[in-house]
């Protein structure tokens, strides 16, 4: 399950970015996950819960996942289109486009701390 390695990577990133004192005040981790990222939110939540048992500093920290829409930008007319039903067709000029500008990402979008 690659979600476990993703959770481990998120924790490593946070531990590199913040001092231990700050990490102890963390209350939520907000992720943005694209529909094409090959990440299943339910499995990511499960992996996070399992990892919380092994890392006491994360017991009180919530994981919040926001799925991002799939968007393309047309190479011909530069129009940005929300992709529906995996139809990579520009809304403006109706030409196919493979220029994905949103929907493949997995980002730590925001980290919340207690004051």
Protein backbone atom coordinates (compact mmCIF):
# COMPACT_ATOMS: atom_id res chain seq x y z
CA UNK A 1 0.00 0.00 0.00
CA UNK A 2 1.82 3.13 -1.19
CA UNK A 3 -0.34 5.35 1.04
CA UNK A 4 1.82 4.30 4.01
CA UNK A 5 4.96 5.60 2.31
CA UNK A 6 3.09 8.82 1.43
CA UNK A 7 2.11 9.34 5.08
CA UNK A 8 5.71 8.66 6.16
CA UNK A 9 6.91 11.20 3.61
CA UNK A 10 4.43 13.81 4.86
CA UNK A 11 5.62 13.30 8.44
CA UNK A 12 9.29 13.52 7.40
CA UNK A 13 8.59 16.74 5.52
CA UNK A 14 6.84 18.29 8.52
CA UNK A 15 9.64 17.20 10.85
CA UNK A 16 12.19 18.84 8.54
CA UNK A 17 10.20 22.07 8.28
CA UNK A 18 9.18 22.59 11.92
CA UNK A 19 10.94 22.34 15.25
CA UNK A 20 9.72 19.75 17.77
CA UNK A 21 8.10 22.45 19.93
CA UNK A 22 6.03 23.63 16.96
CA UNK A 23 5.13 20.06 15.95
CA UNK A 24 3.73 19.48 19.44
CA UNK A 25 1.26 22.34 18.79
CA UNK A 26 0.13 20.98 15.44
CA UNK A 27 -3.61 20.23 15.26
CA UNK A 28 -4.35 19.57 11.57
CA UNK A 29 -2.65 18.74 8.29
CA UNK A 30 -4.51 19.81 5.15
CA UNK A 31 -3.70 18.05 1.89
CA UNK A 32 -4.77 18.77 -1.66
CA UNK A 33 -4.96 15.59 -3.70
CA UNK A 34 -5.65 15.51 -7.43
CA UNK A 35 -8.01 13.01 -8.96
CA UNK A 36 -5.20 11.68 -11.20
CA UNK A 37 -2.67 11.38 -8.35
CA UNK A 38 -3.44 7.67 -7.86
CA UNK A 39 -4.09 8.32 -4.16
CA UNK A 40 -7.21 6.90 -2.56
CA UNK A 41 -8.28 9.23 0.30
CA UNK A 42 -9.85 6.42 2.35
CA UNK A 43 -6.62 4.41 2.21
CA UNK A 44 -4.59 7.51 3.04
CA UNK A 45 -6.79 8.12 6.12
CA UNK A 46 -6.30 4.48 7.16
CA UNK A 47 -2.53 4.70 6.71
CA UNK A 48 -2.47 7.94 8.71
CA UNK A 49 -4.47 6.38 11.57
CA UNK A 50 -2.08 3.42 11.67
CA UNK A 51 0.91 5.74 11.71
CA UNK A 52 -0.61 7.80 14.55
CA UNK A 53 -0.34 4.73 16.76
CA UNK A 54 3.41 4.60 16.14
CA UNK A 55 4.01 8.37 16.44
CA UNK A 56 2.59 9.78 19.68
CA UNK A 57 3.18 13.40 18.62
CA UNK A 58 0.52 12.95 15.89
CA UNK A 59 -2.23 11.45 18.14
CA UNK A 60 -4.13 14.73 18.36
CA UNK A 61 -3.45 15.86 14.75
CA UNK A 62 -6.28 15.58 12.23
CA UNK A 63 -5.70 14.78 8.57
CA UNK A 64 -7.95 16.68 6.17
CA UNK A 65 -7.98 15.87 2.47
CA UNK A 66 -9.41 18.07 -0.27
CA UNK A 67 -9.74 16.48 -3.69
CA UNK A 68 -8.87 18.86 -6.52
CA UNK A 69 -10.67 18.95 -9.85
CA UNK A 70 -9.01 17.99 -13.08
CA UNK A 71 -8.18 21.00 -15.30
CA UNK A 72 -6.47 21.34 -18.65
CA UNK A 73 -5.14 24.37 -20.48
CA UNK A 74 -5.56 24.31 -24.24
CA UNK A 75 -2.32 24.54 -26.22
CA UNK A 76 -4.18 26.25 -29.08
CA UNK A 77 -6.42 28.91 -27.48
CA UNK A 78 -4.96 28.91 -23.93
CA UNK A 79 -8.43 28.38 -22.39
CA UNK A 80 -8.66 26.53 -19.06
CA UNK A 81 -11.27 23.76 -18.95
CA UNK A 82 -12.63 21.67 -16.09
CA UNK A 83 -12.38 18.08 -17.31
CA UNK A 84 -15.58 16.07 -16.90
CA UNK A 85 -15.84 12.31 -17.48
CA UNK A 86 -12.16 12.23 -18.48
CA UNK A 87 -12.88 14.10 -21.74
CA UNK A 88 -9.74 16.14 -22.34
CA UNK A 89 -11.44 18.52 -24.79
CA UNK A 90 -11.21 22.32 -24.65
CA UNK A 91 -14.56 23.96 -23.85
CA UNK A 92 -13.65 26.92 -26.03
CA UNK A 93 -12.23 25.52 -29.30
CA UNK A 94 -13.23 21.84 -28.81
CA UNK A 95 -9.73 20.54 -29.55
CA UNK A 96 -8.16 17.76 -27.50
CA UNK A 97 -5.57 18.77 -24.94
CA UNK A 98 -3.15 16.79 -22.80
CA UNK A 99 -1.85 19.84 -20.91
CA UNK A 100 -3.02 18.99 -17.36
CA UNK A 101 -2.56 21.99 -15.05
CA UNK A 102 -4.41 20.62 -12.01
CA UNK A 103 -5.43 17.18 -10.84
CA UNK A 104 -2.15 15.26 -10.54
CA UNK A 105 -0.84 16.87 -7.36
CA UNK A 106 -0.50 15.79 -3.76
CA UNK A 107 0.38 18.83 -1.66
CA UNK A 108 0.62 19.72 1.97
CA UNK A 109 -1.63 22.72 1.52
CA UNK A 110 -1.81 24.01 5.09
CA UNK A 111 -0.76 23.05 8.60
CA UNK A 112 -2.78 24.27 11.60
CA UNK A 113 -1.28 24.89 15.03
CA UNK A 114 -2.71 25.69 18.45
CA UNK A 115 -1.82 29.19 19.52
